[in-house]
Amino acid sequence: MTIPEVGLREQILDTAKSLFMQQGYHGLAMRQISEAVGVSKAALYYHFKDKEELFLAMAGNLKRH
């Protein structure tokens, strides 16, 4: 079973939020996020070009909630 693309993006953002809160920006690697979500790093980089873009998307997502 695969996760729909929109659902996967939200799952990445939710997982990243939790990991950033635990480990901080500099203490967290994209590899750790991909492993926690259960996707390849390539899949992660398909949605976000780098950690900064992921962090900013997550921070923007927090403002809406």
PDB file of N, CA and C in Angstrom:
ATOM      1  N   MET A   1       0.841  -1.181   0.000  1.00  0.00           N
ATOM      2  CA  MET A   1       0.000   0.000   0.000  1.00  0.00           C
ATOM      3  C   MET A   1       0.880   1.236   0.000  1.00  0.00           C
ATOM      4  N   THR A   2       0.584   2.181  -0.848  1.00  0.00           N
ATOM      5  CA  THR A   2       1.382   3.392  -0.907  1.00  0.00           C
ATOM      6  C   THR A   2       0.612   4.573  -0.336  1.00  0.00           C
ATOM      7  N   ILE A   3       1.351   5.540   0.132  1.00  0.00           N
ATOM      8  CA  ILE A   3       0.758   6.751   0.692  1.00  0.00           C
ATOM      9  C   ILE A   3       0.548   7.734  -0.457  1.00  0.00           C
ATOM     10  N   PRO A   4      -0.666   8.295  -0.588  1.00  0.00           N
ATOM     11  CA  PRO A   4      -0.860   9.302  -1.635  1.00  0.00           C
ATOM     12  C   PRO A   4       0.144  10.438  -1.462  1.00  0.00           C
ATOM     13  N   GLU A   5       0.549  11.049  -2.578  1.00  0.00           N
ATOM     14  CA  GLU A   5       1.603  12.056  -2.552  1.00  0.00           C
ATOM     15  C   GLU A   5       1.308  13.200  -1.590  1.00  0.00           C
ATOM     16  N   VAL A   6       0.076  13.702  -1.584  1.00  0.00           N
ATOM     17  CA  VAL A   6      -0.269  14.789  -0.667  1.00  0.00           C
ATOM     18  C   VAL A   6      -0.178  14.303   0.774  1.00  0.00           C
ATOM     19  N   GLY A   7      -0.654  13.097   1.034  1.00  0.00           N
ATOM     20  CA  GLY A   7      -0.566  12.528   2.367  1.00  0.00           C
ATOM     21  C   GLY A   7       0.863  12.308   2.808  1.00  0.00           C
ATOM     22  N   LEU A   8       1.712  11.935   1.883  1.00  0.00           N
ATOM     23  CA  LEU A   8       3.118  11.721   2.207  1.00  0.00           C
ATOM     24  C   LEU A   8       3.780  13.035   2.595  1.00  0.00           C
ATOM     25  N   ARG A   9       3.489  14.091   1.863  1.00  0.00           N
ATOM     26  CA  ARG A   9       4.064  15.399   2.202  1.00  0.00           C
ATOM     27  C   ARG A   9       3.662  15.806   3.624  1.00  0.00           C
ATOM     28  N   GLU A  10       2.395  15.617   3.964  1.00  0.00           N
ATOM     29  CA  GLU A  10       1.929  15.951   5.310  1.00  0.00           C
ATOM     30  C   GLU A  10       2.584  15.058   6.361  1.00  0.00           C
ATOM     31  N   GLN A  11       2.761  13.790   6.033  1.00  0.00           N
ATOM     32  CA  GLN A  11       3.419  12.872   6.962  1.00  0.00           C
ATOM     33  C   GLN A  11       4.875  13.302   7.185  1.00  0.00           C
ATOM     34  N   ILE A  12       5.550  13.695   6.122  1.00  0.00           N
ATOM     35  CA  ILE A  12       6.933  14.182   6.244  1.00  0.00           C
ATOM     36  C   ILE A  12       6.969  15.404   7.155  1.00  0.00           C
ATOM     37  N   LEU A  13       6.061  16.355   6.932  1.00  0.00           N
ATOM     38  CA  LEU A  13       6.026  17.574   7.745  1.00  0.00           C
ATOM     39  C   LEU A  13       5.743  17.255   9.206  1.00  0.00           C
ATOM     40  N   ASP A  14       4.803  16.370   9.477  1.00  0.00           N
ATOM     41  CA  ASP A  14       4.484  16.006  10.858  1.00  0.00           C
ATOM     42  C   ASP A  14       5.657  15.320  11.547  1.00  0.00           C
ATOM     43  N   THR A  15       6.288  14.402  10.834  1.00  0.00           N
ATOM     44  CA  THR A  15       7.433  13.688  11.402  1.00  0.00           C
ATOM     45  C   THR A  15       8.597  14.644  11.624  1.00  0.00           C
ATOM     46  N   ALA A  16       8.847  15.507  10.648  1.00  0.00           N
ATOM     47  CA  ALA A  16       9.938  16.478  10.774  1.00  0.00           C
ATOM     48  C   ALA A  16       9.709  17.401  11.965  1.00  0.00           C
ATOM     49  N   LYS A  17       8.483  17.832  12.164  1.00  0.00           N
ATOM     50  CA  LYS A  17       8.162  18.704  13.303  1.00  0.00           C
ATOM     51  C   LYS A  17       8.581  18.044  14.607  1.00  0.00           C
ATOM     52  N   SER A  18       8.191  16.808  14.780  1.00  0.00           N
ATOM     53  CA  SER A  18       8.523  16.086  15.998  1.00  0.00           C
ATOM     54  C   SER A  18      10.042  15.937  16.157  1.00  0.00           C
ATOM     55  N   LEU A  19      10.713  15.569  15.082  1.00  0.00           N
ATOM     56  CA  LEU A  19      12.166  15.370  15.142  1.00  0.00           C
ATOM     57  C   LEU A  19      12.923  16.683  15.357  1.00  0.00           C
ATOM     58  N   PHE A  20      12.492  17.749  14.710  1.00  0.00           N
ATOM     59  CA  PHE A  20      13.141  19.049  14.923  1.00  0.00           C
ATOM     60  C   PHE A  20      12.975  19.493  16.377  1.00  0.00           C
ATOM     61  N   MET A  21      11.808  19.238  16.958  1.00  0.00           N
ATOM     62  CA  MET A  21      11.584  19.613  18.358  1.00  0.00           C
ATOM     63  C   MET A  21      12.482  18.806  19.295  1.00  0.00           C
ATOM     64  N   GLN A  22      12.713  17.549  18.971  1.00  0.00           N
ATOM     65  CA  GLN A  22      13.549  16.687  19.819  1.00  0.00           C
ATOM     66  C   GLN A  22      15.037  16.980  19.657  1.00  0.00           C
ATOM     67  N   GLN A  23      15.477  17.184  18.400  1.00  0.00           N
ATOM     68  CA  GLN A  23      16.911  17.215  18.119  1.00  0.00           C
ATOM     69  C   GLN A  23      17.439  18.571  17.672  1.00  0.00           C
ATOM     70  N   GLY A  24      16.553  19.486  17.329  1.00  0.00           N
ATOM     71  CA  GLY A  24      16.992  20.783  16.831  1.00  0.00           C
ATOM     72  C   GLY A  24      17.375  20.706  15.365  1.00  0.00           C
ATOM     73  N   TYR A  25      17.475  21.874  14.758  1.00  0.00           N
ATOM     74  CA  TYR A  25      17.759  21.941  13.327  1.00  0.00           C
ATOM     75  C   TYR A  25      19.104  21.319  12.985  1.00  0.00           C
ATOM     76  N   HIS A  26      20.141  21.717  13.710  1.00  0.00           N
ATOM     77  CA  HIS A  26      21.495  21.248  13.382  1.00  0.00           C
ATOM     78  C   HIS A  26      21.752  19.804  13.801  1.00  0.00           C
ATOM     79  N   GLY A  27      20.947  19.290  14.716  1.00  0.00           N
ATOM     80  CA  GLY A  27      21.142  17.927  15.186  1.00  0.00           C
ATOM     81  C   GLY A  27      20.422  16.876  14.361  1.00  0.00           C
ATOM     82  N   LEU A  28      19.714  17.310  13.326  1.00  0.00           N
ATOM     83  CA  LEU A  28      18.882  16.395  12.554  1.00  0.00           C
ATOM     84  C   LEU A  28      19.337  16.336  11.107  1.00  0.00           C
ATOM     85  N   ALA A  29      19.405  15.129  10.568  1.00  0.00           N
ATOM     86  CA  ALA A  29      19.797  14.931   9.175  1.00  0.00           C
ATOM     87  C   ALA A  29      18.586  14.479   8.363  1.00  0.00           C
ATOM     88  N   MET A  30      18.606  14.789   7.088  1.00  0.00           N
ATOM     89  CA  MET A  30      17.531  14.361   6.192  1.00  0.00           C
ATOM     90  C   MET A  30      17.398  12.834   6.214  1.00  0.00           C
ATOM     91  N   ARG A  31      18.491  12.138   6.357  1.00  0.00           N
ATOM     92  CA  ARG A  31      18.470  10.676   6.433  1.00  0.00           C
ATOM     93  C   ARG A  31      17.603  10.219   7.599  1.00  0.00           C
ATOM     94  N   GLN A  32      17.734  10.881   8.740  1.00  0.00           N
ATOM     95  CA  GLN A  32      16.944  10.505   9.907  1.00  0.00           C
ATOM     96  C   GLN A  32      15.449  10.737   9.660  1.00  0.00           C
ATOM     97  N   ILE A  33      15.129  11.803   8.986  1.00  0.00           N
ATOM     98  CA  ILE A  33      13.728  12.090   8.671  1.00  0.00           C
ATOM     99  C   ILE A  33      13.194  11.027   7.725  1.00  0.00           C
ATOM    100  N   SER A  34      13.958  10.718   6.682  1.00  0.00           N
ATOM    101  CA  SER A  34      13.488   9.719   5.715  1.00  0.00           C
ATOM    102  C   SER A  34      13.288   8.367   6.386  1.00  0.00           C
ATOM    103  N   GLU A  35      14.190   7.990   7.282  1.00  0.00           N
ATOM    104  CA  GLU A  35      14.063   6.716   7.990  1.00  0.00           C
ATOM    105  C   GLU A  35      12.838   6.711   8.896  1.00  0.00           C
ATOM    106  N   ALA A  36      12.591   7.826   9.577  1.00  0.00           N
ATOM    107  CA  ALA A  36      11.439   7.910  10.482  1.00  0.00           C
ATOM    108  C   ALA A  36      10.120   7.848   9.722  1.00  0.00           C
ATOM    109  N   VAL A  37      10.091   8.435   8.532  1.00  0.00           N
ATOM    110  CA  VAL A  37       8.877   8.410   7.715  1.00  0.00           C
ATOM    111  C   VAL A  37       8.727   7.052   7.028  1.00  0.00           C
ATOM    112  N   GLY A  38       9.854   6.395   6.767  1.00  0.00           N
ATOM    113  CA  GLY A  38       9.825   5.106   6.081  1.00  0.00           C
ATOM    114  C   GLY A  38       9.875   5.240   4.572  1.00  0.00           C
ATOM    115  N   VAL A  39      10.569   6.287   4.111  1.00  0.00           N
ATOM    116  CA  VAL A  39      10.737   6.505   2.670  1.00  0.00           C
ATOM    117  C   VAL A  39      12.225   6.659   2.371  1.00  0.00           C
ATOM    118  N   SER A  40      12.569   6.555   1.105  1.00  0.00           N
ATOM    119  CA  SER A  40      13.959   6.750   0.709  1.00  0.00           C
ATOM    120  C   SER A  40      14.312   8.236   0.782  1.00  0.00           C
ATOM    121  N   LYS A  41      15.616   8.518   0.844  1.00  0.00           N
ATOM    122  CA  LYS A  41      16.033   9.919   0.801  1.00  0.00           C
ATOM    123  C   LYS A  41      15.613  10.559  -0.515  1.00  0.00           C
ATOM    124  N   ALA A  42      15.625   9.794  -1.601  1.00  0.00           N
ATOM    125  CA  ALA A  42      15.198  10.321  -2.898  1.00  0.00           C
ATOM    126  C   ALA A  42      13.746  10.785  -2.840  1.00  0.00           C
ATOM    127  N   ALA A  43      12.893  10.024  -2.179  1.00  0.00           N
ATOM    128  CA  ALA A  43      11.488  10.413  -2.039  1.00  0.00           C
ATOM    129  C   ALA A  43      11.362  11.689  -1.218  1.00  0.00           C
ATOM    130  N   LEU A  44      12.175  11.804  -0.194  1.00  0.00           N
ATOM    131  CA  LEU A  44      12.165  13.008   0.638  1.00  0.00           C
ATOM    132  C   LEU A  44      12.604  14.218  -0.180  1.00  0.00           C
ATOM    133  N   TYR A  45      13.681  14.047  -0.948  1.00  0.00           N
ATOM    134  CA  TYR A  45      14.184  15.147  -1.772  1.00  0.00           C
ATOM    135  C   TYR A  45      13.268  15.457  -2.958  1.00  0.00           C
ATOM    136  N   TYR A  46      12.378  14.554  -3.296  1.00  0.00           N
ATOM    137  CA  TYR A  46      11.377  14.839  -4.327  1.00  0.00           C
ATOM    138  C   TYR A  46      10.427  15.933  -3.835  1.00  0.00           C
ATOM    139  N   HIS A  47      10.124  15.897  -2.544  1.00  0.00           N
ATOM    140  CA  HIS A  47       9.184  16.852  -1.961  1.00  0.00           C
ATOM    141  C   HIS A  47       9.853  18.127  -1.446  1.00  0.00           C
ATOM    142  N   PHE A  48      11.103  18.016  -1.011  1.00  0.00           N
ATOM    143  CA  PHE A  48      11.819  19.160  -0.427  1.00  0.00           C
ATOM    144  C   PHE A  48      13.253  19.136  -0.911  1.00  0.00           C
ATOM    145  N   LYS A  49      13.726  20.258  -1.477  1.00  0.00           N
ATOM    146  CA  LYS A  49      15.063  20.254  -2.074  1.00  0.00           C
ATOM    147  C   LYS A  49      16.183  20.127  -1.047  1.00  0.00           C
ATOM    148  N   ASP A  50      15.935  20.561   0.199  1.00  0.00           N
ATOM    149  CA  ASP A  50      16.944  20.443   1.242  1.00  0.00           C
ATOM    150  C   ASP A  50      16.285  20.608   2.612  1.00  0.00           C
ATOM    151  N   LYS A  51      17.084  20.500   3.655  1.00  0.00           N
ATOM    152  CA  LYS A  51      16.563  20.574   5.016  1.00  0.00           C
ATOM    153  C   LYS A  51      15.972  21.944   5.310  1.00  0.00           C
ATOM    154  N   GLU A  52      16.581  22.985   4.781  1.00  0.00           N
ATOM    155  CA  GLU A  52      16.068  24.329   5.018  1.00  0.00           C
ATOM    156  C   GLU A  52      14.662  24.494   4.436  1.00  0.00           C
ATOM    157  N   GLU A  53      14.455  24.008   3.217  1.00  0.00           N
ATOM    158  CA  GLU A  53      13.131  24.109   2.603  1.00  0.00           C
ATOM    159  C   GLU A  53      12.107  23.311   3.407  1.00  0.00           C
ATOM    160  N   LEU A  54      12.488  22.142   3.877  1.00  0.00           N
ATOM    161  CA  LEU A  54      11.598  21.330   4.701  1.00  0.00           C
ATOM    162  C   LEU A  54      11.269  22.058   5.997  1.00  0.00           C
ATOM    163  N   PHE A  55      12.273  22.627   6.636  1.00  0.00           N
ATOM    164  CA  PHE A  55      12.061  23.344   7.888  1.00  0.00           C
ATOM    165  C   PHE A  55      11.136  24.540   7.681  1.00  0.00           C
ATOM    166  N   LEU A  56      11.364  25.302   6.629  1.00  0.00           N
ATOM    167  CA  LEU A  56      10.520  26.467   6.358  1.00  0.00           C
ATOM    168  C   LEU A  56       9.084  26.061   6.026  1.00  0.00           C
ATOM    169  N   ALA A  57       8.921  24.965   5.286  1.00  0.00           N
ATOM    170  CA  ALA A  57       7.576  24.464   4.988  1.00  0.00           C
ATOM    171  C   ALA A  57       6.884  24.019   6.270  1.00  0.00           C
ATOM    172  N   MET A  58       7.626  23.381   7.148  1.00  0.00           N
ATOM    173  CA  MET A  58       7.070  22.939   8.421  1.00  0.00           C
ATOM    174  C   MET A  58       6.690  24.151   9.276  1.00  0.00           C
ATOM    175  N   ALA A  59       7.552  25.155   9.322  1.00  0.00           N
ATOM    176  CA  ALA A  59       7.276  26.358  10.110  1.00  0.00           C
ATOM    177  C   ALA A  59       6.058  27.095   9.544  1.00  0.00           C
ATOM    178  N   GLY A  60       5.937  27.149   8.232  1.00  0.00           N
ATOM    179  CA  GLY A  60       4.771  27.770   7.615  1.00  0.00           C
ATOM    180  C   GLY A  60       3.516  26.993   7.918  1.00  0.00           C
ATOM    181  N   ASN A  61       3.644  25.675   7.974  1.00  0.00           N
ATOM    182  CA  ASN A  61       2.519  24.795   8.286  1.00  0.00           C
ATOM    183  C   ASN A  61       2.060  25.026   9.724  1.00  0.00           C
ATOM    184  N   LEU A  62       2.999  25.307  10.636  1.00  0.00           N
ATOM    185  CA  LEU A  62       2.657  25.545  12.029  1.00  0.00           C
ATOM    186  C   LEU A  62       1.834  26.814  12.187  1.00  0.00           C
ATOM    187  N   LYS A  63       2.128  27.839  11.386  1.00  0.00           N
ATOM    188  CA  LYS A  63       1.407  29.098  11.469  1.00  0.00           C
ATOM    189  C   LYS A  63      -0.064  28.944  11.122  1.00  0.00           C
ATOM    190  N   ARG A  64      -0.380  27.986  10.256  1.00  0.00           N
ATOM    191  CA  ARG A  64      -1.761  27.801   9.815  1.00  0.00           C
ATOM    192  C   ARG A  64      -2.601  27.046  10.823  1.00  0.00           C
ATOM    193  N   HIS A  65      -1.965  26.388  11.792  1.00  0.00           N
ATOM    194  CA  HIS A  65      -2.733  25.572  12.758  1.00  0.00           C
ATOM    195  C   HIS A  65      -2.949  26.318  14.041  1.00  0.00           C
TER     196      HIS A  65
END
